Amino acid sequence: MTEIAEFKRGPGGRPTREEAERRLGTLLATAMRLFLERGFEAVSVEEIAKQAGVAKRFIYARYGDKAELFIAAVEQSFVGRLEDTLHGIEPSRHGVERGLYEFGQKLIAMAMQPEAIALHRLFVSSAPQFPEVAKRFVERNRERAFALVGHVLRFYADRGDIELRQPQLMMEQFFISVIGIPQRLALLGMRESAEDEDQRLRLAIRLFVNGCRPSGNKA
């Protein structure tokens, strides 16, 4: 039985750019769907290749192993989408608390998407058996995610509303204080009422802003 062809061939025997991009997108989307449905360990490269309509040798040539394929699938499905969304967000010209509150609402909305929660569960359940996969993903994407938060925080710092004395630490603190509790509850299949979630966000923003106000300008 012959392997499935990797790509449709163009006149010169090579796949067209459009076809290559389409097949690669199909491969990563198929891999992500299977990983979310059944977990990292239960899904084989052979099954992914079969369902995506590509050859196993293409997957191994491009990604090396299943872990790299998994990371690439996550980066396309979630990290890339996060970047696209946040890059399109312009910081509010209103006061810093209102601006960060509106930004926080968008972060929570993205973090609470069913696919995002399913991915978080997948990482948590797989990490004890496959710590290297989680480590590789964090090392490659942590700075990307926090840089997007930093874009908004630096706007208010440049305007003089806050000081980023320890930029990386403060970006992480903002991110975790905004989505930490809602996301943890969601992992357990729970969610606060909209009113409680809103109050928590407003308090998180107020505490963050008060802790970052420029010296001599404490509220």
N, C-alpha and C. Protein backbone atom coordinates (compact mmCIF):
# COMPACT_ATOMS: atom_id res chain seq x y z
N MET A 1 0.85 -1.20 0.00
CA MET A 1 0.00 0.00 0.00
C MET A 1 0.88 1.24 0.00
N THR A 2 0.69 2.15 -0.95
CA THR A 2 1.53 3.34 -1.04
C THR A 2 1.06 4.39 -0.07
N GLU A 3 2.03 5.25 0.35
CA GLU A 3 1.66 6.33 1.26
C GLU A 3 0.86 7.38 0.52
N ILE A 4 0.10 8.12 1.28
CA ILE A 4 -0.68 9.21 0.70
C ILE A 4 0.27 10.27 0.17
N ALA A 5 -0.03 10.83 -0.96
CA ALA A 5 0.82 11.88 -1.52
C ALA A 5 0.88 13.07 -0.58
N GLU A 6 2.06 13.69 -0.50
CA GLU A 6 2.21 14.80 0.43
C GLU A 6 1.43 16.02 -0.04
N PHE A 7 1.55 16.36 -1.33
CA PHE A 7 0.90 17.54 -1.87
C PHE A 7 0.50 17.31 -3.32
N LYS A 8 -0.45 18.07 -3.77
CA LYS A 8 -0.72 18.12 -5.20
C LYS A 8 0.45 18.82 -5.87
N ARG A 9 0.86 18.32 -7.01
CA ARG A 9 2.04 18.85 -7.67
C ARG A 9 1.68 19.89 -8.72
N GLY A 10 2.52 20.91 -8.82
CA GLY A 10 2.36 21.91 -9.86
C GLY A 10 3.01 21.43 -11.15
N PRO A 11 3.04 22.28 -12.18
CA PRO A 11 3.61 21.89 -13.47
C PRO A 11 5.06 21.43 -13.37
N GLY A 12 5.84 22.01 -12.47
CA GLY A 12 7.24 21.64 -12.33
C GLY A 12 7.47 20.47 -11.41
N GLY A 13 6.43 19.82 -10.95
CA GLY A 13 6.58 18.69 -10.06
C GLY A 13 6.63 19.06 -8.59
N ARG A 14 6.59 20.36 -8.29
CA ARG A 14 6.61 20.81 -6.90
C ARG A 14 5.23 21.31 -6.51
N PRO A 15 4.86 21.19 -5.25
CA PRO A 15 3.55 21.70 -4.84
C PRO A 15 3.49 23.22 -4.97
N THR A 16 2.35 23.73 -5.35
CA THR A 16 2.19 25.18 -5.39
C THR A 16 2.25 25.72 -3.97
N ARG A 17 2.60 27.00 -3.85
CA ARG A 17 2.66 27.62 -2.52
C ARG A 17 1.30 27.54 -1.82
N GLU A 18 0.26 27.83 -2.58
CA GLU A 18 -1.08 27.81 -1.99
C GLU A 18 -1.45 26.42 -1.49
N GLU A 19 -1.11 25.40 -2.30
CA GLU A 19 -1.43 24.04 -1.90
C GLU A 19 -0.62 23.62 -0.69
N ALA A 20 0.65 24.01 -0.67
CA ALA A 20 1.51 23.67 0.47
C ALA A 20 0.98 24.29 1.75
N GLU A 21 0.59 25.56 1.68
CA GLU A 21 0.06 26.24 2.86
C GLU A 21 -1.26 25.63 3.30
N ARG A 22 -2.08 25.28 2.33
CA ARG A 22 -3.38 24.68 2.67
C ARG A 22 -3.20 23.34 3.36
N ARG A 23 -2.33 22.50 2.82
CA ARG A 23 -2.11 21.18 3.41
C ARG A 23 -1.46 21.30 4.79
N LEU A 24 -0.53 22.24 4.93
CA LEU A 24 0.10 22.42 6.24
C LEU A 24 -0.92 22.88 7.26
N GLY A 25 -1.79 23.80 6.87
CA GLY A 25 -2.85 24.25 7.77
C GLY A 25 -3.78 23.11 8.15
N THR A 26 -4.11 22.26 7.18
CA THR A 26 -4.96 21.10 7.46
C THR A 26 -4.28 20.14 8.42
N LEU A 27 -2.99 19.92 8.21
CA LEU A 27 -2.23 19.03 9.10
C LEU A 27 -2.26 19.53 10.53
N LEU A 28 -1.96 20.81 10.75
CA LEU A 28 -1.89 21.33 12.11
C LEU A 28 -3.27 21.38 12.75
N ALA A 29 -4.29 21.72 11.98
CA ALA A 29 -5.66 21.74 12.52
C ALA A 29 -6.11 20.33 12.89
N THR A 30 -5.78 19.36 12.06
CA THR A 30 -6.13 17.96 12.35
C THR A 30 -5.42 17.48 13.60
N ALA A 31 -4.13 17.79 13.70
CA ALA A 31 -3.36 17.38 14.87
C ALA A 31 -3.95 17.99 16.14
N MET A 32 -4.30 19.28 16.09
CA MET A 32 -4.83 19.94 17.27
C MET A 32 -6.16 19.32 17.69
N ARG A 33 -7.00 19.04 16.71
CA ARG A 33 -8.30 18.43 17.02
C ARG A 33 -8.13 17.08 17.69
N LEU A 34 -7.25 16.26 17.17
CA LEU A 34 -7.05 14.93 17.75
C LEU A 34 -6.41 15.00 19.13
N PHE A 35 -5.45 15.89 19.31
CA PHE A 35 -4.83 16.03 20.62
C PHE A 35 -5.85 16.47 21.67
N LEU A 36 -6.71 17.42 21.30
CA LEU A 36 -7.72 17.90 22.25
C LEU A 36 -8.76 16.82 22.55
N GLU A 37 -9.10 16.04 21.54
CA GLU A 37 -10.12 15.00 21.74
C GLU A 37 -9.62 13.85 22.59
N ARG A 38 -8.34 13.44 22.41
CA ARG A 38 -7.89 12.19 23.00
C ARG A 38 -6.63 12.29 23.85
N GLY A 39 -6.00 13.44 23.87
CA GLY A 39 -4.79 13.58 24.67
C GLY A 39 -3.53 13.34 23.85
N PHE A 40 -2.42 13.82 24.37
CA PHE A 40 -1.15 13.75 23.64
C PHE A 40 -0.70 12.31 23.43
N GLU A 41 -0.74 11.50 24.48
CA GLU A 41 -0.19 10.15 24.40
C GLU A 41 -0.99 9.26 23.47
N ALA A 42 -2.31 9.41 23.45
CA ALA A 42 -3.18 8.48 22.72
C ALA A 42 -3.19 8.69 21.21
N VAL A 43 -2.64 9.79 20.76
CA VAL A 43 -2.68 10.10 19.32
C VAL A 43 -1.33 9.80 18.69
N SER A 44 -1.34 9.06 17.60
CA SER A 44 -0.10 8.71 16.91
C SER A 44 0.12 9.61 15.70
N VAL A 45 1.38 9.75 15.32
CA VAL A 45 1.71 10.50 14.11
C VAL A 45 1.07 9.84 12.89
N GLU A 46 1.02 8.52 12.89
CA GLU A 46 0.42 7.80 11.77
C GLU A 46 -1.05 8.18 11.60
N GLU A 47 -1.78 8.26 12.71
CA GLU A 47 -3.20 8.61 12.61
C GLU A 47 -3.39 10.04 12.15
N ILE A 48 -2.56 10.94 12.67
CA ILE A 48 -2.64 12.34 12.24
C ILE A 48 -2.38 12.44 10.74
N ALA A 49 -1.34 11.75 10.28
CA ALA A 49 -1.00 11.79 8.85
C ALA A 49 -2.16 11.27 8.00
N LYS A 50 -2.76 10.17 8.44
CA LYS A 50 -3.85 9.58 7.68
C LYS A 50 -5.04 10.52 7.59
N GLN A 51 -5.42 11.11 8.72
CA GLN A 51 -6.59 11.99 8.71
C GLN A 51 -6.34 13.31 8.00
N ALA A 52 -5.08 13.76 8.02
CA ALA A 52 -4.73 15.02 7.36
C ALA A 52 -4.43 14.84 5.88
N GLY A 53 -4.24 13.59 5.47
CA GLY A 53 -3.96 13.33 4.06
C GLY A 53 -2.54 13.65 3.65
N VAL A 54 -1.58 13.46 4.56
CA VAL A 54 -0.17 13.68 4.23
C VAL A 54 0.62 12.43 4.60
N ALA A 55 1.86 12.37 4.14
CA ALA A 55 2.72 11.24 4.45
C ALA A 55 3.40 11.42 5.80
N LYS A 56 3.62 10.33 6.50
CA LYS A 56 4.34 10.40 7.78
C LYS A 56 5.72 11.00 7.60
N ARG A 57 6.37 10.64 6.50
CA ARG A 57 7.73 11.12 6.30
C ARG A 57 7.78 12.65 6.19
N PHE A 58 6.69 13.24 5.67
CA PHE A 58 6.63 14.70 5.61
C PHE A 58 6.58 15.29 7.01
N ILE A 59 5.78 14.69 7.90
CA ILE A 59 5.67 15.19 9.27
C ILE A 59 7.02 15.11 9.98
N TYR A 60 7.67 13.96 9.88
CA TYR A 60 8.95 13.80 10.56
C TYR A 60 10.03 14.69 9.96
N ALA A 61 9.98 14.89 8.65
CA ALA A 61 10.98 15.75 8.01
C ALA A 61 10.82 17.20 8.45
N ARG A 62 9.58 17.61 8.65
CA ARG A 62 9.33 19.01 9.00
C ARG A 62 9.43 19.28 10.49
N TYR A 63 8.95 18.34 11.32
CA TYR A 63 8.87 18.60 12.76
C TYR A 63 9.78 17.73 13.61
N GLY A 64 10.26 16.64 13.11
CA GLY A 64 11.19 15.81 13.87
C GLY A 64 10.53 14.80 14.77
N ASP A 65 9.55 15.23 15.56
CA ASP A 65 8.87 14.29 16.46
C ASP A 65 7.47 14.80 16.76
N LYS A 66 6.72 13.98 17.48
CA LYS A 66 5.33 14.32 17.78
C LYS A 66 5.23 15.56 18.66
N ALA A 67 6.19 15.73 19.56
CA ALA A 67 6.16 16.89 20.45
C ALA A 67 6.24 18.19 19.67
N GLU A 68 7.13 18.24 18.68
CA GLU A 68 7.26 19.46 17.88
C GLU A 68 6.02 19.70 17.04
N LEU A 69 5.41 18.63 16.56
CA LEU A 69 4.15 18.77 15.82
C LEU A 69 3.07 19.34 16.74
N PHE A 70 2.99 18.83 17.95
CA PHE A 70 2.01 19.32 18.92
C PHE A 70 2.21 20.81 19.19
N ILE A 71 3.45 21.21 19.43
CA ILE A 71 3.74 22.62 19.72
C ILE A 71 3.37 23.50 18.53
N ALA A 72 3.71 23.04 17.32
CA ALA A 72 3.36 23.81 16.13
C ALA A 72 1.85 23.95 15.97
N ALA A 73 1.12 22.89 16.30
CA ALA A 73 -0.34 22.94 16.20
C ALA A 73 -0.91 23.93 17.20
N VAL A 74 -0.37 23.94 18.41
CA VAL A 74 -0.84 24.89 19.42
C VAL A 74 -0.51 26.32 18.99
N GLU A 75 0.69 26.51 18.48
CA GLU A 75 1.10 27.85 18.06
C GLU A 75 0.20 28.38 16.96
N GLN A 76 -0.19 27.53 16.04
CA GLN A 76 -1.09 27.99 14.98
C GLN A 76 -2.50 28.24 15.50
N SER A 77 -3.00 27.32 16.31
CA SER A 77 -4.40 27.37 16.72
C SER A 77 -4.67 28.42 17.79
N PHE A 78 -3.72 28.61 18.71
CA PHE A 78 -3.99 29.47 19.86
C PHE A 78 -3.05 30.66 19.97
N VAL A 79 -1.75 30.42 19.95
CA VAL A 79 -0.82 31.53 20.12
C VAL A 79 -0.94 32.52 18.97
N GLY A 80 -1.00 31.98 17.75
CA GLY A 80 -1.15 32.86 16.60
C GLY A 80 -2.44 33.66 16.64
N ARG A 81 -3.51 32.99 17.05
CA ARG A 81 -4.80 33.68 17.14
C ARG A 81 -4.78 34.74 18.24
N LEU A 82 -4.10 34.43 19.36
CA LEU A 82 -3.95 35.40 20.44
C LEU A 82 -3.20 36.63 19.94
N GLU A 83 -2.12 36.40 19.22
CA GLU A 83 -1.34 37.52 18.69
C GLU A 83 -2.17 38.35 17.73
N ASP A 84 -2.89 37.70 16.84
CA ASP A 84 -3.70 38.44 15.87
C ASP A 84 -4.74 39.31 16.58
N THR A 85 -5.34 38.75 17.62
CA THR A 85 -6.38 39.49 18.35
C THR A 85 -5.79 40.66 19.12
N LEU A 86 -4.72 40.41 19.87
CA LEU A 86 -4.16 41.45 20.73
C LEU A 86 -3.43 42.52 19.93
N HIS A 87 -2.84 42.14 18.80
CA HIS A 87 -2.17 43.15 17.98
C HIS A 87 -3.19 44.15 17.45
N GLY A 88 -4.43 43.73 17.34
CA GLY A 88 -5.45 44.64 16.84
C GLY A 88 -6.08 45.50 17.92
N ILE A 89 -5.65 45.34 19.16
CA ILE A 89 -6.21 46.11 20.27
C ILE A 89 -5.39 47.37 20.50
N GLU A 90 -6.02 48.49 20.39
CA GLU A 90 -5.36 49.75 20.70
C GLU A 90 -5.69 50.14 22.13
N PRO A 91 -4.69 50.53 22.92
CA PRO A 91 -4.97 50.92 24.30
C PRO A 91 -5.99 52.05 24.35
N SER A 92 -6.86 52.00 25.34
CA SER A 92 -7.88 53.02 25.50
C SER A 92 -7.24 54.36 25.82
N ARG A 93 -7.79 55.41 25.24
CA ARG A 93 -7.30 56.76 25.52
C ARG A 93 -7.88 57.31 26.81
N HIS A 94 -8.74 56.54 27.45
CA HIS A 94 -9.33 56.98 28.71
C HIS A 94 -8.32 56.77 29.84
N GLY A 95 -8.76 56.90 31.07
CA GLY A 95 -7.88 56.71 32.21
C GLY A 95 -7.30 55.32 32.25
N VAL A 96 -6.19 55.17 32.97
CA VAL A 96 -5.47 53.90 32.97
C VAL A 96 -6.32 52.77 33.55
N GLU A 97 -7.09 53.03 34.60
CA GLU A 97 -7.90 51.95 35.18
C GLU A 97 -8.96 51.48 34.19
N ARG A 98 -9.62 52.41 33.55
CA ARG A 98 -10.64 52.02 32.57
C ARG A 98 -10.01 51.30 31.39
N GLY A 99 -8.87 51.80 30.94
CA GLY A 99 -8.20 51.17 29.80
C GLY A 99 -7.77 49.75 30.10
N LEU A 100 -7.16 49.53 31.28
CA LEU A 100 -6.71 48.19 31.63
C LEU A 100 -7.89 47.27 31.94
N TYR A 101 -8.97 47.85 32.45
CA TYR A 101 -10.18 47.06 32.69
C TYR A 101 -10.73 46.53 31.36
N GLU A 102 -10.81 47.38 30.36
CA GLU A 102 -11.31 46.95 29.05
C GLU A 102 -10.38 45.91 28.43
N PHE A 103 -9.08 46.10 28.60
CA PHE A 103 -8.11 45.13 28.09
C PHE A 103 -8.25 43.80 28.84
N GLY A 104 -8.44 43.89 30.15
CA GLY A 104 -8.62 42.69 30.96
C GLY A 104 -9.84 41.89 30.54
N GLN A 105 -10.91 42.57 30.19
CA GLN A 105 -12.11 41.89 29.71
C GLN A 105 -11.80 41.05 28.47
N LYS A 106 -10.99 41.60 27.57
CA LYS A 106 -10.64 40.88 26.34
C LYS A 106 -9.76 39.67 26.66
N LEU A 107 -8.83 39.83 27.60
CA LEU A 107 -7.99 38.71 28.00
C LEU A 107 -8.82 37.57 28.58
N ILE A 108 -9.76 37.91 29.46
CA ILE A 108 -10.61 36.89 30.07
C ILE A 108 -11.45 36.19 29.01
N ALA A 109 -12.01 36.96 28.09
CA ALA A 109 -12.84 36.36 27.04
C ALA A 109 -12.05 35.34 26.23
N MET A 110 -10.79 35.65 25.93
CA MET A 110 -9.98 34.70 25.16
C MET A 110 -9.58 33.49 26.01
N ALA A 111 -9.21 33.75 27.26
CA ALA A 111 -8.76 32.66 28.14
C ALA A 111 -9.88 31.69 28.46
N MET A 112 -11.12 32.15 28.40
CA MET A 112 -12.26 31.32 28.78
C MET A 112 -12.92 30.62 27.59
N GLN A 113 -12.37 30.77 26.42
CA GLN A 113 -12.92 30.04 25.27
C GLN A 113 -12.79 28.53 25.52
N PRO A 114 -13.79 27.75 25.15
CA PRO A 114 -13.74 26.30 25.41
C PRO A 114 -12.47 25.63 24.91
N GLU A 115 -12.00 26.02 23.73
CA GLU A 115 -10.78 25.40 23.20
C GLU A 115 -9.56 25.77 24.05
N ALA A 116 -9.51 27.00 24.54
CA ALA A 116 -8.39 27.41 25.38
C ALA A 116 -8.38 26.63 26.69
N ILE A 117 -9.55 26.42 27.28
CA ILE A 117 -9.63 25.64 28.51
C ILE A 117 -9.26 24.19 28.25
N ALA A 118 -9.72 23.64 27.14
CA ALA A 118 -9.38 22.25 26.80
C ALA A 118 -7.88 22.09 26.62
N LEU A 119 -7.24 23.07 26.01
CA LEU A 119 -5.79 23.01 25.82
C LEU A 119 -5.07 23.08 27.16
N HIS A 120 -5.54 23.95 28.04
CA HIS A 120 -4.93 24.06 29.37
C HIS A 120 -5.04 22.74 30.12
N ARG A 121 -6.20 22.12 30.05
CA ARG A 121 -6.38 20.80 30.68
C ARG A 121 -5.42 19.78 30.09
N LEU A 122 -5.24 19.84 28.77
CA LEU A 122 -4.35 18.90 28.11
C LEU A 122 -2.91 19.05 28.60
N PHE A 123 -2.46 20.29 28.74
CA PHE A 123 -1.11 20.52 29.26
C PHE A 123 -0.97 20.02 30.69
N VAL A 124 -1.96 20.32 31.52
CA VAL A 124 -1.90 19.91 32.92
C VAL A 124 -1.87 18.39 33.04
N SER A 125 -2.69 17.71 32.26
CA SER A 125 -2.76 16.24 32.36
C SER A 125 -1.54 15.56 31.75
N SER A 126 -0.92 16.19 30.76
CA SER A 126 0.21 15.57 30.06
C SER A 126 1.56 15.89 30.69
N ALA A 127 1.65 17.00 31.41
CA ALA A 127 2.94 17.47 31.91
C ALA A 127 3.69 16.45 32.77
N PRO A 128 3.01 15.72 33.69
CA PRO A 128 3.77 14.76 34.51
C PRO A 128 4.46 13.68 33.68
N GLN A 129 3.81 13.20 32.62
CA GLN A 129 4.39 12.16 31.78
C GLN A 129 5.31 12.70 30.69
N PHE A 130 4.99 13.91 30.23
CA PHE A 130 5.75 14.49 29.12
C PHE A 130 6.20 15.90 29.48
N PRO A 131 7.02 16.05 30.52
CA PRO A 131 7.43 17.39 30.95
C PRO A 131 8.20 18.15 29.88
N GLU A 132 8.91 17.44 29.02
CA GLU A 132 9.71 18.11 28.00
C GLU A 132 8.84 18.86 27.00
N VAL A 133 7.65 18.32 26.73
CA VAL A 133 6.74 18.98 25.79
C VAL A 133 6.30 20.33 26.35
N ALA A 134 5.86 20.32 27.61
CA ALA A 134 5.44 21.57 28.25
C ALA A 134 6.60 22.55 28.34
N LYS A 135 7.77 22.04 28.68
CA LYS A 135 8.94 22.91 28.81
C LYS A 135 9.27 23.58 27.48
N ARG A 136 9.27 22.82 26.40
CA ARG A 136 9.57 23.38 25.08
C ARG A 136 8.56 24.47 24.71
N PHE A 137 7.28 24.17 24.98
CA PHE A 137 6.24 25.14 24.62
C PHE A 137 6.40 26.43 25.41
N VAL A 138 6.60 26.32 26.72
CA VAL A 138 6.73 27.52 27.56
C VAL A 138 7.94 28.33 27.13
N GLU A 139 9.06 27.68 26.90
CA GLU A 139 10.28 28.40 26.52
C GLU A 139 10.10 29.17 25.22
N ARG A 140 9.34 28.62 24.30
CA ARG A 140 9.18 29.25 22.99
C ARG A 140 8.08 30.29 22.94
N ASN A 141 7.11 30.23 23.86
CA ASN A 141 5.94 31.09 23.71
C ASN A 141 5.65 32.01 24.89
N ARG A 142 6.32 31.81 25.99
CA ARG A 142 6.04 32.65 27.16
C ARG A 142 6.29 34.12 26.85
N GLU A 143 7.44 34.42 26.27
CA GLU A 143 7.76 35.81 25.99
C GLU A 143 6.84 36.39 24.94
N ARG A 144 6.42 35.58 23.98
CA ARG A 144 5.49 36.07 22.96
C ARG A 144 4.19 36.53 23.58
N ALA A 145 3.66 35.72 24.50
CA ALA A 145 2.38 36.07 25.13
C ALA A 145 2.50 37.32 25.99
N PHE A 146 3.55 37.38 26.81
CA PHE A 146 3.70 38.53 27.71
C PHE A 146 4.07 39.80 26.95
N ALA A 147 4.71 39.66 25.80
CA ALA A 147 5.04 40.84 25.00
C ALA A 147 3.78 41.55 24.54
N LEU A 148 2.73 40.78 24.28
CA LEU A 148 1.47 41.38 23.85
C LEU A 148 0.83 42.17 24.98
N VAL A 149 0.94 41.65 26.20
CA VAL A 149 0.45 42.40 27.36
C VAL A 149 1.31 43.64 27.55
N GLY A 150 2.63 43.47 27.35
CA GLY A 150 3.55 44.59 27.52
C GLY A 150 3.26 45.75 26.60
N HIS A 151 2.75 45.46 25.41
CA HIS A 151 2.42 46.53 24.46
C HIS A 151 1.42 47.50 25.07
N VAL A 152 0.43 46.98 25.76
CA VAL A 152 -0.59 47.82 26.38
C VAL A 152 -0.03 48.52 27.62
N LEU A 153 0.68 47.77 28.46
CA LEU A 153 1.21 48.37 29.69
C LEU A 153 2.20 49.49 29.37
N ARG A 154 3.03 49.29 28.35
CA ARG A 154 4.01 50.33 28.01
C ARG A 154 3.34 51.61 27.52
N PHE A 155 2.17 51.47 26.90
CA PHE A 155 1.44 52.67 26.48
C PHE A 155 1.14 53.56 27.68
N TYR A 156 0.64 52.94 28.76
CA TYR A 156 0.30 53.73 29.95
C TYR A 156 1.54 54.16 30.71
N ALA A 157 2.61 53.39 30.63
CA ALA A 157 3.87 53.80 31.25
C ALA A 157 4.44 55.01 30.52
N ASP A 158 4.42 54.98 29.20
CA ASP A 158 4.92 56.11 28.42
C ASP A 158 4.08 57.36 28.65
N ARG A 159 2.82 57.17 28.97
CA ARG A 159 1.94 58.30 29.23
C ARG A 159 2.11 58.84 30.65
N GLY A 160 2.84 58.10 31.48
CA GLY A 160 3.10 58.55 32.85
C GLY A 160 2.10 58.07 33.87
N ASP A 161 1.19 57.16 33.48
CA ASP A 161 0.17 56.68 34.41
C ASP A 161 0.73 55.64 35.38
N ILE A 162 1.66 54.81 34.91
CA ILE A 162 2.26 53.77 35.75
C ILE A 162 3.76 53.72 35.48
N GLU A 163 4.48 53.05 36.37
CA GLU A 163 5.90 52.79 36.19
C GLU A 163 6.10 51.28 36.11
N LEU A 164 6.86 50.85 35.11
CA LEU A 164 7.18 49.43 34.98
C LEU A 164 8.61 49.24 35.46
N ARG A 165 8.76 49.20 36.78
CA ARG A 165 10.10 49.12 37.37
C ARG A 165 10.75 47.76 37.12
N GLN A 166 9.95 46.72 37.08
CA GLN A 166 10.42 45.37 36.73
C GLN A 166 9.49 44.86 35.62
N PRO A 167 9.73 45.28 34.39
CA PRO A 167 8.76 45.05 33.31
C PRO A 167 8.28 43.62 33.16
N GLN A 168 9.19 42.66 33.08
CA GLN A 168 8.77 41.28 32.85
C GLN A 168 7.91 40.76 34.01
N LEU A 169 8.36 41.01 35.22
CA LEU A 169 7.62 40.56 36.40
C LEU A 169 6.25 41.21 36.47
N MET A 170 6.18 42.49 36.15
CA MET A 170 4.91 43.21 36.24
C MET A 170 3.95 42.79 35.13
N MET A 171 4.47 42.47 33.95
CA MET A 171 3.61 41.95 32.89
C MET A 171 3.01 40.61 33.31
N GLU A 172 3.84 39.75 33.88
CA GLU A 172 3.36 38.45 34.34
C GLU A 172 2.32 38.62 35.44
N GLN A 173 2.59 39.55 36.36
CA GLN A 173 1.66 39.77 37.47
C GLN A 173 0.30 40.25 36.97
N PHE A 174 0.32 41.15 36.01
CA PHE A 174 -0.94 41.64 35.45
C PHE A 174 -1.72 40.49 34.81
N PHE A 175 -1.03 39.71 34.00
CA PHE A 175 -1.67 38.61 33.28
C PHE A 175 -2.31 37.62 34.24
N ILE A 176 -1.55 37.21 35.25
CA ILE A 176 -2.04 36.21 36.19
C ILE A 176 -3.15 36.77 37.07
N SER A 177 -3.02 38.02 37.50
CA SER A 177 -4.05 38.59 38.38
C SER A 177 -5.38 38.76 37.65
N VAL A 178 -5.33 38.92 36.34
CA VAL A 178 -6.55 39.10 35.56
C VAL A 178 -7.23 37.77 35.24
N ILE A 179 -6.47 36.79 34.74
CA ILE A 179 -7.11 35.55 34.27
C ILE A 179 -6.92 34.37 35.21
N GLY A 180 -6.08 34.52 36.24
CA GLY A 180 -5.73 33.37 37.07
C GLY A 180 -6.91 32.63 37.68
N ILE A 181 -7.72 33.32 38.48
CA ILE A 181 -8.85 32.68 39.16
C ILE A 181 -9.92 32.22 38.18
N PRO A 182 -10.37 33.06 37.24
CA PRO A 182 -11.38 32.58 36.30
C PRO A 182 -10.94 31.33 35.55
N GLN A 183 -9.67 31.29 35.14
CA GLN A 183 -9.20 30.14 34.40
C GLN A 183 -9.11 28.89 35.27
N ARG A 184 -8.65 29.05 36.50
CA ARG A 184 -8.58 27.90 37.42
C ARG A 184 -9.96 27.32 37.68
N LEU A 185 -10.94 28.19 37.88
CA LEU A 185 -12.30 27.71 38.09
C LEU A 185 -12.81 26.98 36.84
N ALA A 186 -12.51 27.53 35.68
CA ALA A 186 -12.97 26.92 34.43
C ALA A 186 -12.37 25.53 34.25
N LEU A 187 -11.14 25.33 34.70
CA LEU A 187 -10.52 24.01 34.59
C LEU A 187 -11.30 22.96 35.39
N LEU A 188 -12.00 23.43 36.42
CA LEU A 188 -12.82 22.55 37.25
C LEU A 188 -14.28 22.52 36.80
N GLY A 189 -14.55 23.15 35.66
CA GLY A 189 -15.91 23.17 35.15
C GLY A 189 -16.80 24.17 35.85
N MET A 190 -16.20 25.18 36.47
CA MET A 190 -16.97 26.17 37.22
C MET A 190 -16.73 27.56 36.65
N ARG A 191 -17.66 28.46 36.94
CA ARG A 191 -17.46 29.86 36.57
C ARG A 191 -18.26 30.73 37.52
N GLU A 192 -17.65 31.84 37.93
CA GLU A 192 -18.34 32.78 38.80
C GLU A 192 -19.48 33.45 38.04
N SER A 193 -20.36 34.10 38.79
CA SER A 193 -21.39 34.90 38.14
C SER A 193 -20.71 36.07 37.42
N ALA A 194 -21.39 36.62 36.44
CA ALA A 194 -20.82 37.75 35.70
C ALA A 194 -20.51 38.91 36.64
N GLU A 195 -21.36 39.11 37.64
CA GLU A 195 -21.14 40.21 38.59
C GLU A 195 -19.88 39.97 39.42
N ASP A 196 -19.72 38.75 39.94
CA ASP A 196 -18.54 38.45 40.75
C ASP A 196 -17.26 38.51 39.91
N GLU A 197 -17.33 38.02 38.69
CA GLU A 197 -16.16 38.05 37.81
C GLU A 197 -15.76 39.49 37.50
N ASP A 198 -16.76 40.34 37.30
CA ASP A 198 -16.48 41.74 37.01
C ASP A 198 -15.87 42.44 38.22
N GLN A 199 -16.40 42.16 39.41
CA GLN A 199 -15.84 42.76 40.63
C GLN A 199 -14.40 42.32 40.84
N ARG A 200 -14.13 41.06 40.59
CA ARG A 200 -12.77 40.54 40.75
C ARG A 200 -11.81 41.25 39.78
N LEU A 201 -12.24 41.42 38.55
CA LEU A 201 -11.40 42.10 37.56
C LEU A 201 -11.15 43.54 37.95
N ARG A 202 -12.18 44.25 38.37
CA ARG A 202 -12.01 45.65 38.75
C ARG A 202 -11.04 45.79 39.93
N LEU A 203 -11.15 44.88 40.90
CA LEU A 203 -10.24 44.93 42.04
C LEU A 203 -8.81 44.62 41.61
N ALA A 204 -8.65 43.63 40.74
CA ALA A 204 -7.30 43.28 40.26
C ALA A 204 -6.66 44.47 39.55
N ILE A 205 -7.43 45.16 38.74
CA ILE A 205 -6.90 46.32 38.01
C ILE A 205 -6.55 47.44 38.98
N ARG A 206 -7.42 47.69 39.96
CA ARG A 206 -7.16 48.77 40.92
C ARG A 206 -5.90 48.49 41.72
N LEU A 207 -5.75 47.26 42.19
CA LEU A 207 -4.55 46.91 42.96
C LEU A 207 -3.30 47.02 42.10
N PHE A 208 -3.38 46.58 40.87
CA PHE A 208 -2.21 46.65 39.98
C PHE A 208 -1.82 48.10 39.72
N VAL A 209 -2.79 48.93 39.39
CA VAL A 209 -2.50 50.33 39.07
C VAL A 209 -1.94 51.05 40.29
N ASN A 210 -2.54 50.83 41.46
CA ASN A 210 -2.04 51.48 42.67
C ASN A 210 -0.62 51.04 43.00
N GLY A 211 -0.31 49.79 42.72
CA GLY A 211 1.03 49.30 42.99
C GLY A 211 2.07 49.76 41.99
N CYS A 212 1.61 50.28 40.85
CA CYS A 212 2.53 50.69 39.78
C CYS A 212 2.55 52.19 39.54
N ARG A 213 1.84 52.94 40.37
CA ARG A 213 1.82 54.38 40.15
C ARG A 213 3.22 54.96 40.30
N PRO A 214 3.53 56.02 39.55
CA PRO A 214 4.85 56.64 39.67
C PRO A 214 5.11 57.12 41.09
N SER A 215 6.35 57.10 41.51
CA SER A 215 6.73 57.55 42.85
C SER A 215 6.23 58.97 43.08
N GLY A 216 5.65 59.18 44.25
CA GLY A 216 5.13 60.49 44.58
C GLY A 216 3.74 60.74 44.04
N ASN A 217 3.16 59.72 43.39
CA ASN A 217 1.83 59.87 42.81
C ASN A 217 0.92 58.74 43.25
N LYS A 218 1.11 58.27 44.49
CA LYS A 218 0.29 57.17 45.01
C LYS A 218 -1.10 57.68 45.34
N ALA A 219 -2.11 56.86 44.99
CA ALA A 219 -3.49 57.24 45.27
C ALA A 219 -3.79 57.08 46.75
